[in-house]
Amino acid sequence: MRKFEVKFDGNVCKGCELCRIYCPKGIIAMSTHINDRGYTPAEVTQMDLCTGCKSCAVMCPDGAISIWEVTQ
């Protein structure tokens, strides 16, 4: 089974929620902390369910999301 890692740049994310809306697995939520710009950034809640589809990264207007396959 392929595994993926998703990283949100919490200081770039403006909390627009597009990534959350377009995630087909519904594993993205908004954080409870506030970043340096005054926004609540997105985060992945269940990394093991990520399929690496990159829908979140494609929809992010700020380029705050990086996704890569984890090799073991």
N, C-alpha and C. Protein backbone atom coordinates (compact mmCIF):
# COMPACT_ATOMS: atom_id res chain seq x y z
N MET A 1 0.85 -1.19 0.00
CA MET A 1 0.00 0.00 0.00
C MET A 1 0.89 1.25 0.00
N ARG A 2 0.60 2.17 -0.87
CA ARG A 2 1.37 3.40 -0.97
C ARG A 2 0.96 4.36 0.15
N LYS A 3 1.95 5.07 0.68
CA LYS A 3 1.68 6.05 1.75
C LYS A 3 2.21 7.40 1.32
N PHE A 4 1.50 8.44 1.75
CA PHE A 4 1.85 9.80 1.37
C PHE A 4 1.96 10.69 2.59
N GLU A 5 2.75 11.71 2.45
CA GLU A 5 2.93 12.72 3.49
C GLU A 5 2.45 14.05 2.92
N VAL A 6 1.68 14.77 3.70
CA VAL A 6 1.16 16.08 3.30
C VAL A 6 1.68 17.10 4.29
N LYS A 7 2.24 18.18 3.78
CA LYS A 7 2.76 19.24 4.64
C LYS A 7 2.11 20.56 4.25
N PHE A 8 1.55 21.23 5.22
CA PHE A 8 0.98 22.55 5.04
C PHE A 8 1.96 23.57 5.59
N ASP A 9 2.25 24.59 4.83
CA ASP A 9 3.06 25.69 5.35
C ASP A 9 2.10 26.57 6.14
N GLY A 10 2.11 26.38 7.44
CA GLY A 10 1.16 27.06 8.32
C GLY A 10 1.25 28.57 8.32
N ASN A 11 2.40 29.11 7.91
CA ASN A 11 2.53 30.57 7.87
C ASN A 11 2.13 31.16 6.53
N VAL A 12 1.90 30.32 5.54
CA VAL A 12 1.44 30.78 4.23
C VAL A 12 -0.07 30.59 4.09
N CYS A 13 -0.60 29.53 4.70
CA CYS A 13 -2.03 29.20 4.60
C CYS A 13 -2.87 30.34 5.18
N LYS A 14 -3.88 30.74 4.42
CA LYS A 14 -4.78 31.80 4.90
C LYS A 14 -6.15 31.26 5.33
N GLY A 15 -6.26 29.94 5.42
CA GLY A 15 -7.48 29.34 5.95
C GLY A 15 -8.68 29.46 5.03
N CYS A 16 -8.47 29.47 3.73
CA CYS A 16 -9.60 29.63 2.79
C CYS A 16 -10.49 28.39 2.73
N GLU A 17 -9.99 27.25 3.17
CA GLU A 17 -10.69 25.97 3.25
C GLU A 17 -10.93 25.28 1.92
N LEU A 18 -10.36 25.77 0.82
CA LEU A 18 -10.54 25.09 -0.46
C LEU A 18 -9.98 23.67 -0.42
N CYS A 19 -8.85 23.49 0.24
CA CYS A 19 -8.27 22.16 0.35
C CYS A 19 -9.22 21.22 1.09
N ARG A 20 -9.81 21.70 2.15
CA ARG A 20 -10.76 20.90 2.93
C ARG A 20 -11.97 20.52 2.10
N ILE A 21 -12.48 21.47 1.34
CA ILE A 21 -13.67 21.23 0.53
C ILE A 21 -13.41 20.20 -0.57
N TYR A 22 -12.22 20.24 -1.18
CA TYR A 22 -11.94 19.38 -2.32
C TYR A 22 -11.24 18.07 -1.98
N CYS A 23 -10.92 17.83 -0.73
CA CYS A 23 -10.30 16.56 -0.35
C CYS A 23 -11.34 15.45 -0.46
N PRO A 24 -11.12 14.48 -1.37
CA PRO A 24 -12.12 13.42 -1.55
C PRO A 24 -12.24 12.48 -0.35
N LYS A 25 -11.23 12.45 0.49
CA LYS A 25 -11.26 11.58 1.68
C LYS A 25 -11.76 12.31 2.92
N GLY A 26 -11.89 13.63 2.86
CA GLY A 26 -12.39 14.39 4.00
C GLY A 26 -11.46 14.36 5.20
N ILE A 27 -10.15 14.36 4.94
CA ILE A 27 -9.18 14.23 6.03
C ILE A 27 -8.47 15.54 6.36
N ILE A 28 -8.96 16.64 5.83
CA ILE A 28 -8.36 17.95 6.11
C ILE A 28 -9.33 18.75 6.98
N ALA A 29 -8.79 19.36 8.02
CA ALA A 29 -9.58 20.18 8.93
C ALA A 29 -8.81 21.47 9.18
N MET A 30 -9.49 22.43 9.72
CA MET A 30 -8.84 23.68 10.08
C MET A 30 -8.29 23.56 11.49
N SER A 31 -7.09 24.04 11.66
CA SER A 31 -6.40 23.97 12.94
C SER A 31 -7.10 24.85 13.98
N THR A 32 -6.76 24.62 15.21
CA THR A 32 -7.30 25.46 16.28
C THR A 32 -6.36 26.60 16.64
N HIS A 33 -5.12 26.54 16.11
CA HIS A 33 -4.18 27.63 16.42
C HIS A 33 -4.19 28.68 15.31
N ILE A 34 -3.73 29.85 15.64
CA ILE A 34 -3.70 30.98 14.70
C ILE A 34 -2.26 31.19 14.26
N ASN A 35 -2.05 31.33 12.94
CA ASN A 35 -0.69 31.52 12.42
C ASN A 35 -0.25 32.97 12.56
N ASP A 36 0.96 33.25 12.10
CA ASP A 36 1.54 34.60 12.23
C ASP A 36 0.74 35.67 11.49
N ARG A 37 -0.05 35.25 10.50
CA ARG A 37 -0.84 36.20 9.71
C ARG A 37 -2.26 36.37 10.25
N GLY A 38 -2.60 35.66 11.32
CA GLY A 38 -3.91 35.79 11.94
C GLY A 38 -4.95 34.83 11.41
N TYR A 39 -4.52 33.79 10.69
CA TYR A 39 -5.45 32.81 10.13
C TYR A 39 -5.32 31.47 10.84
N THR A 40 -6.36 30.65 10.74
CA THR A 40 -6.28 29.28 11.23
C THR A 40 -5.95 28.39 10.03
N PRO A 41 -4.74 27.85 9.97
CA PRO A 41 -4.32 27.05 8.82
C PRO A 41 -4.96 25.66 8.81
N ALA A 42 -4.89 25.03 7.65
CA ALA A 42 -5.41 23.68 7.49
C ALA A 42 -4.38 22.66 7.98
N GLU A 43 -4.87 21.46 8.26
CA GLU A 43 -4.00 20.36 8.66
C GLU A 43 -4.68 19.03 8.30
N VAL A 44 -3.89 18.01 8.14
CA VAL A 44 -4.42 16.67 7.85
C VAL A 44 -4.71 15.98 9.17
N THR A 45 -5.89 15.39 9.27
CA THR A 45 -6.29 14.74 10.51
C THR A 45 -5.97 13.25 10.52
N GLN A 46 -5.94 12.62 9.33
CA GLN A 46 -5.67 11.18 9.24
C GLN A 46 -4.74 10.92 8.05
N MET A 47 -3.46 11.14 8.27
CA MET A 47 -2.48 11.04 7.19
C MET A 47 -2.51 9.66 6.52
N ASP A 48 -2.78 8.61 7.29
CA ASP A 48 -2.76 7.26 6.73
C ASP A 48 -3.86 7.03 5.68
N LEU A 49 -4.87 7.90 5.62
CA LEU A 49 -5.93 7.76 4.64
C LEU A 49 -5.67 8.55 3.35
N CYS A 50 -4.61 9.35 3.32
CA CYS A 50 -4.30 10.16 2.14
C CYS A 50 -3.90 9.25 0.98
N THR A 51 -4.51 9.49 -0.19
CA THR A 51 -4.22 8.69 -1.38
C THR A 51 -3.23 9.38 -2.31
N GLY A 52 -2.78 10.58 -1.96
CA GLY A 52 -1.82 11.30 -2.78
C GLY A 52 -2.43 11.88 -4.05
N CYS A 53 -3.72 12.12 -4.07
CA CYS A 53 -4.39 12.62 -5.28
C CYS A 53 -4.00 14.06 -5.62
N LYS A 54 -3.52 14.80 -4.63
CA LYS A 54 -3.07 16.18 -4.78
C LYS A 54 -4.18 17.19 -5.08
N SER A 55 -5.42 16.81 -4.87
CA SER A 55 -6.53 17.74 -5.08
C SER A 55 -6.38 18.96 -4.19
N CYS A 56 -5.95 18.76 -2.97
CA CYS A 56 -5.78 19.88 -2.04
C CYS A 56 -4.71 20.85 -2.55
N ALA A 57 -3.59 20.30 -3.01
CA ALA A 57 -2.49 21.14 -3.48
C ALA A 57 -2.85 21.91 -4.74
N VAL A 58 -3.60 21.27 -5.62
CA VAL A 58 -4.02 21.93 -6.87
C VAL A 58 -4.97 23.09 -6.56
N MET A 59 -5.83 22.92 -5.59
CA MET A 59 -6.82 23.95 -5.26
C MET A 59 -6.25 25.10 -4.42
N CYS A 60 -5.12 24.89 -3.78
CA CYS A 60 -4.55 25.90 -2.88
C CYS A 60 -4.06 27.11 -3.68
N PRO A 61 -4.68 28.28 -3.47
CA PRO A 61 -4.27 29.47 -4.23
C PRO A 61 -2.93 30.05 -3.78
N ASP A 62 -2.43 29.59 -2.63
CA ASP A 62 -1.19 30.14 -2.09
C ASP A 62 0.00 29.19 -2.18
N GLY A 63 -0.21 27.99 -2.71
CA GLY A 63 0.88 27.03 -2.82
C GLY A 63 1.43 26.60 -1.47
N ALA A 64 0.55 26.48 -0.50
CA ALA A 64 0.96 26.17 0.87
C ALA A 64 1.03 24.67 1.16
N ILE A 65 0.76 23.83 0.15
CA ILE A 65 0.67 22.38 0.40
C ILE A 65 1.68 21.63 -0.44
N SER A 66 2.42 20.75 0.23
CA SER A 66 3.36 19.85 -0.45
C SER A 66 2.94 18.41 -0.15
N ILE A 67 3.01 17.54 -1.17
CA ILE A 67 2.64 16.14 -1.00
C ILE A 67 3.73 15.29 -1.65
N TRP A 68 4.15 14.26 -0.95
CA TRP A 68 5.12 13.34 -1.53
C TRP A 68 4.85 11.93 -1.02
N GLU A 69 5.30 10.96 -1.81
CA GLU A 69 5.14 9.56 -1.44
C GLU A 69 6.24 9.19 -0.46
N VAL A 70 5.85 8.46 0.57
CA VAL A 70 6.80 8.00 1.57
C VAL A 70 7.33 6.65 1.12
N THR A 71 8.64 6.55 1.00
CA THR A 71 9.25 5.26 0.63
C THR A 71 9.87 4.64 1.86
N GLN A 72 9.73 3.34 1.93
CA GLN A 72 10.24 2.65 3.12
C GLN A 72 11.32 1.70 2.79
